[in-house]
Amino acid sequence: MSVIMEPLLWLVITVIDLYTWVVIASVVLSWLTAFSIINTQNRVVYLIGDVVYRLTEPALRPIRRILPDLGGIDLSPVVLLLGIIFLKQIVIRLAYQIGG
């Protein structure tokens, strides 16, 4: 693998991994809010929730439009996480095919 390809691959995989954790944090935060464990009136909690929402909602919205309504269960984060894992595997395999 070339000198430029390895750091680029590392950067792309790291960004994918970080986004995976943001999606997981979004799910946990929504659960904590739904069960009134955390208070969204707290400014710090609100800001964290807003940042997480702004980062995940553009990816989750199209998935929610496609998935059927299951009552109160939102499976879109699971679908997004599966897509992220799939994308990560594609990036790794393409990088090693190119790098030889």
PDB file of N, CA and C in Angstrom:
ATOM      1  N   MET A   1       0.851  -1.174   0.000  1.00  0.00           N
ATOM      2  CA  MET A   1       0.000   0.000   0.000  1.00  0.00           C
ATOM      3  C   MET A   1       0.894   1.233   0.000  1.00  0.00           C
ATOM      4  N   SER A   2       0.486   2.253  -0.712  1.00  0.00           N
ATOM      5  CA  SER A   2       1.322   3.436  -0.860  1.00  0.00           C
ATOM      6  C   SER A   2       1.388   4.248   0.429  1.00  0.00           C
ATOM      7  N   VAL A   3       2.333   5.176   0.430  1.00  0.00           N
ATOM      8  CA  VAL A   3       2.550   6.026   1.604  1.00  0.00           C
ATOM      9  C   VAL A   3       1.338   6.921   1.857  1.00  0.00           C
ATOM     10  N   ILE A   4       0.666   7.353   0.813  1.00  0.00           N
ATOM     11  CA  ILE A   4      -0.497   8.223   0.958  1.00  0.00           C
ATOM     12  C   ILE A   4      -1.758   7.411   1.265  1.00  0.00           C
ATOM     13  N   MET A   5      -1.835   6.212   0.736  1.00  0.00           N
ATOM     14  CA  MET A   5      -3.044   5.406   0.875  1.00  0.00           C
ATOM     15  C   MET A   5      -3.304   4.973   2.318  1.00  0.00           C
ATOM     16  N   GLU A   6      -2.273   4.591   3.046  1.00  0.00           N
ATOM     17  CA  GLU A   6      -2.472   4.128   4.420  1.00  0.00           C
ATOM     18  C   GLU A   6      -3.047   5.205   5.335  1.00  0.00           C
ATOM     19  N   PRO A   7      -2.481   6.420   5.374  1.00  0.00           N
ATOM     20  CA  PRO A   7      -3.100   7.452   6.230  1.00  0.00           C
ATOM     21  C   PRO A   7      -4.504   7.837   5.767  1.00  0.00           C
ATOM     22  N   LEU A   8      -4.740   7.834   4.475  1.00  0.00           N
ATOM     23  CA  LEU A   8      -6.066   8.150   3.956  1.00  0.00           C
ATOM     24  C   LEU A   8      -7.073   7.081   4.374  1.00  0.00           C
ATOM     25  N   LEU A   9      -6.676   5.826   4.275  1.00  0.00           N
ATOM     26  CA  LEU A   9      -7.538   4.733   4.720  1.00  0.00           C
ATOM     27  C   LEU A   9      -7.806   4.850   6.213  1.00  0.00           C
ATOM     28  N   TRP A  10      -6.781   5.144   6.996  1.00  0.00           N
ATOM     29  CA  TRP A  10      -6.952   5.320   8.433  1.00  0.00           C
ATOM     30  C   TRP A  10      -7.942   6.448   8.727  1.00  0.00           C
ATOM     31  N   LEU A  11      -7.831   7.564   8.024  1.00  0.00           N
ATOM     32  CA  LEU A  11      -8.718   8.700   8.239  1.00  0.00           C
ATOM     33  C   LEU A  11     -10.170   8.343   7.911  1.00  0.00           C
ATOM     34  N   VAL A  12     -10.389   7.694   6.787  1.00  0.00           N
ATOM     35  CA  VAL A  12     -11.744   7.336   6.377  1.00  0.00           C
ATOM     36  C   VAL A  12     -12.362   6.354   7.376  1.00  0.00           C
ATOM     37  N   ILE A  13     -11.606   5.351   7.792  1.00  0.00           N
ATOM     38  CA  ILE A  13     -12.114   4.370   8.753  1.00  0.00           C
ATOM     39  C   ILE A  13     -12.373   5.024  10.102  1.00  0.00           C
ATOM     40  N   THR A  14     -11.520   5.942  10.510  1.00  0.00           N
ATOM     41  CA  THR A  14     -11.722   6.641  11.780  1.00  0.00           C
ATOM     42  C   THR A  14     -12.986   7.495  11.741  1.00  0.00           C
ATOM     43  N   VAL A  15     -13.227   8.185  10.648  1.00  0.00           N
ATOM     44  CA  VAL A  15     -14.446   8.997  10.508  1.00  0.00           C
ATOM     45  C   VAL A  15     -15.686   8.099  10.533  1.00  0.00           C
ATOM     46  N   ILE A  16     -15.615   6.963   9.860  1.00  0.00           N
ATOM     47  CA  ILE A  16     -16.735   6.016   9.872  1.00  0.00           C
ATOM     48  C   ILE A  16     -16.979   5.506  11.289  1.00  0.00           C
ATOM     49  N   ASP A  17     -15.905   5.166  12.006  1.00  0.00           N
ATOM     50  CA  ASP A  17     -16.048   4.689  13.383  1.00  0.00           C
ATOM     51  C   ASP A  17     -16.622   5.769  14.303  1.00  0.00           C
ATOM     52  N   LEU A  18     -16.163   6.996  14.145  1.00  0.00           N
ATOM     53  CA  LEU A  18     -16.688   8.087  14.964  1.00  0.00           C
ATOM     54  C   LEU A  18     -18.182   8.312  14.701  1.00  0.00           C
ATOM     55  N   TYR A  19     -18.578   8.241  13.443  1.00  0.00           N
ATOM     56  CA  TYR A  19     -19.987   8.426  13.123  1.00  0.00           C
ATOM     57  C   TYR A  19     -20.833   7.281  13.684  1.00  0.00           C
ATOM     58  N   THR A  20     -20.266   6.081  13.709  1.00  0.00           N
ATOM     59  CA  THR A  20     -20.952   4.953  14.335  1.00  0.00           C
ATOM     60  C   THR A  20     -21.252   5.261  15.790  1.00  0.00           C
ATOM     61  N   TRP A  21     -20.276   5.826  16.503  1.00  0.00           N
ATOM     62  CA  TRP A  21     -20.477   6.165  17.913  1.00  0.00           C
ATOM     63  C   TRP A  21     -21.470   7.308  18.087  1.00  0.00           C
ATOM     64  N   VAL A  22     -21.513   8.224  17.138  1.00  0.00           N
ATOM     65  CA  VAL A  22     -22.501   9.308  17.207  1.00  0.00           C
ATOM     66  C   VAL A  22     -23.914   8.748  17.058  1.00  0.00           C
ATOM     67  N   VAL A  23     -24.089   7.788  16.165  1.00  0.00           N
ATOM     68  CA  VAL A  23     -25.404   7.164  15.991  1.00  0.00           C
ATOM     69  C   VAL A  23     -25.799   6.411  17.265  1.00  0.00           C
ATOM     70  N   ILE A  24     -24.864   5.688  17.854  1.00  0.00           N
ATOM     71  CA  ILE A  24     -25.142   4.973  19.100  1.00  0.00           C
ATOM     72  C   ILE A  24     -25.491   5.968  20.209  1.00  0.00           C
ATOM     73  N   ALA A  25     -24.757   7.064  20.288  1.00  0.00           N
ATOM     74  CA  ALA A  25     -25.050   8.087  21.296  1.00  0.00           C
ATOM     75  C   ALA A  25     -26.439   8.679  21.073  1.00  0.00           C
ATOM     76  N   SER A  26     -26.831   8.832  19.834  1.00  0.00           N
ATOM     77  CA  SER A  26     -28.161   9.351  19.522  1.00  0.00           C
ATOM     78  C   SER A  26     -29.248   8.413  20.038  1.00  0.00           C
ATOM     79  N   VAL A  27     -29.058   7.127  19.841  1.00  0.00           N
ATOM     80  CA  VAL A  27     -30.034   6.143  20.312  1.00  0.00           C
ATOM     81  C   VAL A  27     -30.114   6.164  21.836  1.00  0.00           C
ATOM     82  N   VAL A  28     -28.968   6.137  22.490  1.00  0.00           N
ATOM     83  CA  VAL A  28     -28.944   6.140  23.956  1.00  0.00           C
ATOM     84  C   VAL A  28     -29.578   7.421  24.496  1.00  0.00           C
ATOM     85  N   LEU A  29     -29.254   8.543  23.891  1.00  0.00           N
ATOM     86  CA  LEU A  29     -29.813   9.817  24.328  1.00  0.00           C
ATOM     87  C   LEU A  29     -31.328   9.850  24.151  1.00  0.00           C
ATOM     88  N   SER A  30     -31.816   9.288  23.059  1.00  0.00           N
ATOM     89  CA  SER A  30     -33.270   9.260  22.857  1.00  0.00           C
ATOM     90  C   SER A  30     -33.950   8.367  23.885  1.00  0.00           C
ATOM     91  N   TRP A  31     -33.326   7.258  24.246  1.00  0.00           N
ATOM     92  CA  TRP A  31     -33.886   6.385  25.286  1.00  0.00           C
ATOM     93  C   TRP A  31     -33.906   7.095  26.631  1.00  0.00           C
ATOM     94  N   LEU A  32     -32.801   7.742  26.967  1.00  0.00           N
ATOM     95  CA  LEU A  32     -32.721   8.433  28.252  1.00  0.00           C
ATOM     96  C   LEU A  32     -33.737   9.569  28.338  1.00  0.00           C
ATOM     97  N   THR A  33     -33.969  10.230  27.226  1.00  0.00           N
ATOM     98  CA  THR A  33     -34.964  11.297  27.190  1.00  0.00           C
ATOM     99  C   THR A  33     -36.377  10.724  27.280  1.00  0.00           C
ATOM    100  N   ALA A  34     -36.627   9.639  26.569  1.00  0.00           N
ATOM    101  CA  ALA A  34     -37.963   9.034  26.564  1.00  0.00           C
ATOM    102  C   ALA A  34     -38.370   8.521  27.944  1.00  0.00           C
ATOM    103  N   PHE A  35     -37.406   8.017  28.700  1.00  0.00           N
ATOM    104  CA  PHE A  35     -37.701   7.492  30.033  1.00  0.00           C
ATOM    105  C   PHE A  35     -37.497   8.537  31.131  1.00  0.00           C
ATOM    106  N   SER A  36     -37.336   9.789  30.749  1.00  0.00           N
ATOM    107  CA  SER A  36     -37.170  10.921  31.680  1.00  0.00           C
ATOM    108  C   SER A  36     -36.017  10.719  32.664  1.00  0.00           C
ATOM    109  N   ILE A  37     -34.963  10.117  32.188  1.00  0.00           N
ATOM    110  CA  ILE A  37     -33.772   9.945  33.024  1.00  0.00           C
ATOM    111  C   ILE A  37     -32.917  11.199  32.973  1.00  0.00           C
ATOM    112  N   ILE A  38     -32.887  11.820  31.801  1.00  0.00           N
ATOM    113  CA  ILE A  38     -32.186  13.098  31.681  1.00  0.00           C
ATOM    114  C   ILE A  38     -33.200  14.180  31.346  1.00  0.00           C
ATOM    115  N   ASN A  39     -32.867  15.385  31.713  1.00  0.00           N
ATOM    116  CA  ASN A  39     -33.764  16.513  31.531  1.00  0.00           C
ATOM    117  C   ASN A  39     -33.254  17.374  30.380  1.00  0.00           C
ATOM    118  N   THR A  40     -34.046  17.491  29.333  1.00  0.00           N
ATOM    119  CA  THR A  40     -33.628  18.304  28.187  1.00  0.00           C
ATOM    120  C   THR A  40     -33.739  19.794  28.475  1.00  0.00           C
ATOM    121  N   GLN A  41     -34.255  20.165  29.635  1.00  0.00           N
ATOM    122  CA  GLN A  41     -34.274  21.575  30.021  1.00  0.00           C
ATOM    123  C   GLN A  41     -32.880  22.036  30.432  1.00  0.00           C
ATOM    124  N   ASN A  42     -32.022  21.093  30.795  1.00  0.00           N
ATOM    125  CA  ASN A  42     -30.637  21.408  31.107  1.00  0.00           C
ATOM    126  C   ASN A  42     -29.942  21.840  29.813  1.00  0.00           C
ATOM    127  N   ARG A  43     -29.291  22.966  29.846  1.00  0.00           N
ATOM    128  CA  ARG A  43     -28.704  23.549  28.626  1.00  0.00           C
ATOM    129  C   ARG A  43     -27.640  22.648  28.003  1.00  0.00           C
ATOM    130  N   VAL A  44     -26.797  22.028  28.811  1.00  0.00           N
ATOM    131  CA  VAL A  44     -25.737  21.158  28.281  1.00  0.00           C
ATOM    132  C   VAL A  44     -26.351  19.934  27.612  1.00  0.00           C
ATOM    133  N   VAL A  45     -27.326  19.330  28.262  1.00  0.00           N
ATOM    134  CA  VAL A  45     -27.995  18.157  27.688  1.00  0.00           C
ATOM    135  C   VAL A  45     -28.686  18.544  26.387  1.00  0.00           C
ATOM    136  N   TYR A  46     -29.326  19.706  26.373  1.00  0.00           N
ATOM    137  CA  TYR A  46     -30.000  20.166  25.163  1.00  0.00           C
ATOM    138  C   TYR A  46     -29.001  20.375  24.019  1.00  0.00           C
ATOM    139  N   LEU A  47     -27.865  20.993  24.312  1.00  0.00           N
ATOM    140  CA  LEU A  47     -26.855  21.244  23.275  1.00  0.00           C
ATOM    141  C   LEU A  47     -26.285  19.943  22.728  1.00  0.00           C
ATOM    142  N   ILE A  48     -26.001  18.989  23.611  1.00  0.00           N
ATOM    143  CA  ILE A  48     -25.486  17.694  23.160  1.00  0.00           C
ATOM    144  C   ILE A  48     -26.528  17.000  22.290  1.00  0.00           C
ATOM    145  N   GLY A  49     -27.776  17.013  22.736  1.00  0.00           N
ATOM    146  CA  GLY A  49     -28.849  16.410  21.952  1.00  0.00           C
ATOM    147  C   GLY A  49     -29.033  17.075  20.605  1.00  0.00           C
ATOM    148  N   ASP A  50     -28.907  18.393  20.568  1.00  0.00           N
ATOM    149  CA  ASP A  50     -29.054  19.123  19.317  1.00  0.00           C
ATOM    150  C   ASP A  50     -27.931  18.786  18.335  1.00  0.00           C
ATOM    151  N   VAL A  51     -26.712  18.705  18.828  1.00  0.00           N
ATOM    152  CA  VAL A  51     -25.570  18.368  17.965  1.00  0.00           C
ATOM    153  C   VAL A  51     -25.726  16.950  17.417  1.00  0.00           C
ATOM    154  N   VAL A  52     -26.072  16.019  18.292  1.00  0.00           N
ATOM    155  CA  VAL A  52     -26.250  14.635  17.861  1.00  0.00           C
ATOM    156  C   VAL A  52     -27.392  14.535  16.850  1.00  0.00           C
ATOM    157  N   TYR A  53     -28.483  15.254  17.097  1.00  0.00           N
ATOM    158  CA  TYR A  53     -29.618  15.247  16.168  1.00  0.00           C
ATOM    159  C   TYR A  53     -29.202  15.794  14.804  1.00  0.00           C
ATOM    160  N   ARG A  54     -28.488  16.898  14.798  1.00  0.00           N
ATOM    161  CA  ARG A  54     -28.064  17.507  13.521  1.00  0.00           C
ATOM    162  C   ARG A  54     -27.092  16.625  12.754  1.00  0.00           C
ATOM    163  N   LEU A  55     -26.308  15.822  13.462  1.00  0.00           N
ATOM    164  CA  LEU A  55     -25.361  14.936  12.790  1.00  0.00           C
ATOM    165  C   LEU A  55     -26.027  13.672  12.247  1.00  0.00           C
ATOM    166  N   THR A  56     -27.055  13.187  12.930  1.00  0.00           N
ATOM    167  CA  THR A  56     -27.639  11.903  12.532  1.00  0.00           C
ATOM    168  C   THR A  56     -28.920  12.029  11.701  1.00  0.00           C
ATOM    169  N   GLU A  57     -29.677  13.077  11.892  1.00  0.00           N
ATOM    170  CA  GLU A  57     -30.977  13.176  11.236  1.00  0.00           C
ATOM    171  C   GLU A  57     -30.899  13.181   9.708  1.00  0.00           C
ATOM    172  N   PRO A  58     -29.916  13.832   9.076  1.00  0.00           N
ATOM    173  CA  PRO A  58     -29.867  13.766   7.603  1.00  0.00           C
ATOM    174  C   PRO A  58     -29.694  12.343   7.068  1.00  0.00           C
ATOM    175  N   ALA A  59     -29.056  11.471   7.819  1.00  0.00           N
ATOM    176  CA  ALA A  59     -28.906  10.080   7.379  1.00  0.00           C
ATOM    177  C   ALA A  59     -30.107   9.230   7.782  1.00  0.00           C
ATOM    178  N   LEU A  60     -30.745   9.557   8.889  1.00  0.00           N
ATOM    179  CA  LEU A  60     -31.863   8.748   9.373  1.00  0.00           C
ATOM    180  C   LEU A  60     -33.186   9.074   8.678  1.00  0.00           C
ATOM    181  N   ARG A  61     -33.376  10.308   8.274  1.00  0.00           N
ATOM    182  CA  ARG A  61     -34.652  10.734   7.679  1.00  0.00           C
ATOM    183  C   ARG A  61     -35.032   9.915   6.441  1.00  0.00           C
ATOM    184  N   PRO A  62     -34.128   9.707   5.467  1.00  0.00           N
ATOM    185  CA  PRO A  62     -34.520   8.901   4.296  1.00  0.00           C
ATOM    186  C   PRO A  62     -34.829   7.449   4.664  1.00  0.00           C
ATOM    187  N   ILE A  63     -34.146   6.919   5.651  1.00  0.00           N
ATOM    188  CA  ILE A  63     -34.403   5.542   6.079  1.00  0.00           C
ATOM    189  C   ILE A  63     -35.781   5.451   6.719  1.00  0.00           C
ATOM    190  N   ARG A  64     -36.140   6.449   7.519  1.00  0.00           N
ATOM    191  CA  ARG A  64     -37.457   6.461   8.172  1.00  0.00           C
ATOM    192  C   ARG A  64     -38.593   6.539   7.161  1.00  0.00           C
ATOM    193  N   ARG A  65     -38.347   7.230   6.050  1.00  0.00           N
ATOM    194  CA  ARG A  65     -39.379   7.331   5.018  1.00  0.00           C
ATOM    195  C   ARG A  65     -39.633   5.981   4.352  1.00  0.00           C
ATOM    196  N   ILE A  66     -38.592   5.163   4.256  1.00  0.00           N
ATOM    197  CA  ILE A  66     -38.706   3.869   3.579  1.00  0.00           C
ATOM    198  C   ILE A  66     -39.267   2.794   4.505  1.00  0.00           C
ATOM    199  N   LEU A  67     -38.845   2.785   5.769  1.00  0.00           N
ATOM    200  CA  LEU A  67     -39.273   1.745   6.706  1.00  0.00           C
ATOM    201  C   LEU A  67     -40.751   1.907   7.061  1.00  0.00           C
ATOM    202  N   PRO A  68     -41.436   0.785   7.273  1.00  0.00           N
ATOM    203  CA  PRO A  68     -42.841   0.874   7.693  1.00  0.00           C
ATOM    204  C   PRO A  68     -42.951   1.356   9.138  1.00  0.00           C
ATOM    205  N   ASP A  69     -44.099   1.924   9.481  1.00  0.00           N
ATOM    206  CA  ASP A  69     -44.342   2.394  10.833  1.00  0.00           C
ATOM    207  C   ASP A  69     -44.594   1.198  11.748  1.00  0.00           C
ATOM    208  N   LEU A  70     -43.795   1.052  12.787  1.00  0.00           N
ATOM    209  CA  LEU A  70     -43.915  -0.080  13.700  1.00  0.00           C
ATOM    210  C   LEU A  70     -44.433   0.344  15.068  1.00  0.00           C
ATOM    211  N   GLY A  71     -45.210   1.373  15.120  1.00  0.00           N
ATOM    212  CA  GLY A  71     -45.708   1.864  16.405  1.00  0.00           C
ATOM    213  C   GLY A  71     -44.699   2.821  17.007  1.00  0.00           C
ATOM    214  N   GLY A  72     -44.187   2.497  18.157  1.00  0.00           N
ATOM    215  CA  GLY A  72     -43.217   3.367  18.814  1.00  0.00           C
ATOM    216  C   GLY A  72     -41.781   2.927  18.622  1.00  0.00           C
ATOM    217  N   ILE A  73     -41.562   1.938  17.758  1.00  0.00           N
ATOM    218  CA  ILE A  73     -40.218   1.387  17.574  1.00  0.00           C
ATOM    219  C   ILE A  73     -39.592   1.985  16.321  1.00  0.00           C
ATOM    220  N   ASP A  74     -38.414   2.557  16.487  1.00  0.00           N
ATOM    221  CA  ASP A  74     -37.696   3.162  15.372  1.00  0.00           C
ATOM    222  C   ASP A  74     -36.474   2.299  15.054  1.00  0.00           C
ATOM    223  N   LEU A  75     -36.532   1.596  13.938  1.00  0.00           N
ATOM    224  CA  LEU A  75     -35.434   0.722  13.537  1.00  0.00           C
ATOM    225  C   LEU A  75     -34.439   1.406  12.611  1.00  0.00           C
ATOM    226  N   SER A  76     -34.660   2.678  12.301  1.00  0.00           N
ATOM    227  CA  SER A  76     -33.774   3.360  11.361  1.00  0.00           C
ATOM    228  C   SER A  76     -32.320   3.423  11.846  1.00  0.00           C
ATOM    229  N   PRO A  77     -32.026   3.604  13.148  1.00  0.00           N
ATOM    230  CA  PRO A  77     -30.611   3.572  13.553  1.00  0.00           C
ATOM    231  C   PRO A  77     -29.953   2.214  13.317  1.00  0.00           C
ATOM    232  N   VAL A  78     -30.714   1.139  13.463  1.00  0.00           N
ATOM    233  CA  VAL A  78     -30.154  -0.196  13.207  1.00  0.00           C
ATOM    234  C   VAL A  78     -29.806  -0.342  11.726  1.00  0.00           C
ATOM    235  N   VAL A  79     -30.713   0.107  10.865  1.00  0.00           N
ATOM    236  CA  VAL A  79     -30.464   0.051   9.423  1.00  0.00           C
ATOM    237  C   VAL A  79     -29.260   0.920   9.063  1.00  0.00           C
ATOM    238  N   LEU A  80     -29.182   2.111   9.670  1.00  0.00           N
ATOM    239  CA  LEU A  80     -28.047   3.003   9.405  1.00  0.00           C
ATOM    240  C   LEU A  80     -26.743   2.375   9.870  1.00  0.00           C
ATOM    241  N   LEU A  81     -26.731   1.769  11.042  1.00  0.00           N
ATOM    242  CA  LEU A  81     -25.511   1.129  11.538  1.00  0.00           C
ATOM    243  C   LEU A  81     -25.092  -0.040  10.645  1.00  0.00           C
ATOM    244  N   LEU A  82     -26.044  -0.809  10.170  1.00  0.00           N
ATOM    245  CA  LEU A  82     -25.708  -1.886   9.229  1.00  0.00           C
ATOM    246  C   LEU A  82     -25.121  -1.322   7.935  1.00  0.00           C
ATOM    247  N   GLY A  83     -25.684  -0.218   7.459  1.00  0.00           N
ATOM    248  CA  GLY A  83     -25.144   0.440   6.261  1.00  0.00           C
ATOM    249  C   GLY A  83     -23.745   0.978   6.483  1.00  0.00           C
ATOM    250  N   ILE A  84     -23.493   1.519   7.671  1.00  0.00           N
ATOM    251  CA  ILE A  84     -22.162   2.042   7.993  1.00  0.00           C
ATOM    252  C   ILE A  84     -21.146   0.909   8.039  1.00  0.00           C
ATOM    253  N   ILE A  85     -21.515  -0.204   8.646  1.00  0.00           N
ATOM    254  CA  ILE A  85     -20.610  -1.356   8.710  1.00  0.00           C
ATOM    255  C   ILE A  85     -20.332  -1.884   7.305  1.00  0.00           C
ATOM    256  N   PHE A  86     -21.366  -1.940   6.483  1.00  0.00           N
ATOM    257  CA  PHE A  86     -21.202  -2.376   5.093  1.00  0.00           C
ATOM    258  C   PHE A  86     -20.263  -1.439   4.334  1.00  0.00           C
ATOM    259  N   LEU A  87     -20.468  -0.135   4.491  1.00  0.00           N
ATOM    260  CA  LEU A  87     -19.609   0.858   3.838  1.00  0.00           C
ATOM    261  C   LEU A  87     -18.155   0.721   4.286  1.00  0.00           C
ATOM    262  N   LYS A  88     -17.954   0.502   5.570  1.00  0.00           N
ATOM    263  CA  LYS A  88     -16.598   0.343   6.098  1.00  0.00           C
ATOM    264  C   LYS A  88     -15.902  -0.865   5.465  1.00  0.00           C
ATOM    265  N   GLN A  89     -16.627  -1.969   5.327  1.00  0.00           N
ATOM    266  CA  GLN A  89     -16.043  -3.164   4.717  1.00  0.00           C
ATOM    267  C   GLN A  89     -15.705  -2.926   3.246  1.00  0.00           C
ATOM    268  N   ILE A  90     -16.561  -2.191   2.546  1.00  0.00           N
ATOM    269  CA  ILE A  90     -16.283  -1.872   1.141  1.00  0.00           C
ATOM    270  C   ILE A  90     -15.017  -1.022   1.030  1.00  0.00           C
ATOM    271  N   VAL A  91     -14.903  -0.013   1.892  1.00  0.00           N
ATOM    272  CA  VAL A  91     -13.723   0.867   1.856  1.00  0.00           C
ATOM    273  C   VAL A  91     -12.457   0.069   2.120  1.00  0.00           C
ATOM    274  N   ILE A  92     -12.496  -0.809   3.101  1.00  0.00           N
ATOM    275  CA  ILE A  92     -11.307  -1.605   3.436  1.00  0.00           C
ATOM    276  C   ILE A  92     -10.932  -2.529   2.277  1.00  0.00           C
ATOM    277  N   ARG A  93     -11.918  -3.208   1.711  1.00  0.00           N
ATOM    278  CA  ARG A  93     -11.615  -4.144   0.614  1.00  0.00           C
ATOM    279  C   ARG A  93     -11.121  -3.408  -0.636  1.00  0.00           C
ATOM    280  N   LEU A  94     -11.725  -2.260  -0.955  1.00  0.00           N
ATOM    281  CA  LEU A  94     -11.254  -1.485  -2.106  1.00  0.00           C
ATOM    282  C   LEU A  94      -9.838  -0.964  -1.891  1.00  0.00           C
ATOM    283  N   ALA A  95      -9.563  -0.529  -0.684  1.00  0.00           N
ATOM    284  CA  ALA A  95      -8.226  -0.003  -0.397  1.00  0.00           C
ATOM    285  C   ALA A  95      -7.166  -1.094  -0.550  1.00  0.00           C
ATOM    286  N   TYR A  96      -7.449  -2.290  -0.105  1.00  0.00           N
ATOM    287  CA  TYR A  96      -6.473  -3.360  -0.228  1.00  0.00           C
ATOM    288  C   TYR A  96      -6.374  -3.896  -1.633  1.00  0.00           C
ATOM    289  N   GLN A  97      -7.450  -3.807  -2.416  1.00  0.00           N
ATOM    290  CA  GLN A  97      -7.365  -4.193  -3.823  1.00  0.00           C
ATOM    291  C   GLN A  97      -6.536  -3.187  -4.608  1.00  0.00           C
ATOM    292  N   ILE A  98      -6.714  -1.918  -4.308  1.00  0.00           N
ATOM    293  CA  ILE A  98      -5.952  -0.881  -4.997  1.00  0.00           C
ATOM    294  C   ILE A  98      -4.496  -0.934  -4.575  1.00  0.00           C
ATOM    295  N   GLY A  99      -4.291  -1.116  -3.246  1.00  0.00           N
ATOM    296  CA  GLY A  99      -2.936  -1.125  -2.717  1.00  0.00           C
ATOM    297  C   GLY A  99      -2.167  -2.385  -3.057  1.00  0.00           C
ATOM    298  N   GLY A 100      -2.886  -3.449  -3.373  1.00  0.00           N
ATOM    299  CA  GLY A 100      -2.267  -4.692  -3.794  1.00  0.00           C
ATOM    300  C   GLY A 100      -1.565  -5.368  -2.700  1.00  0.00           C
TER     301      GLY A 100
END
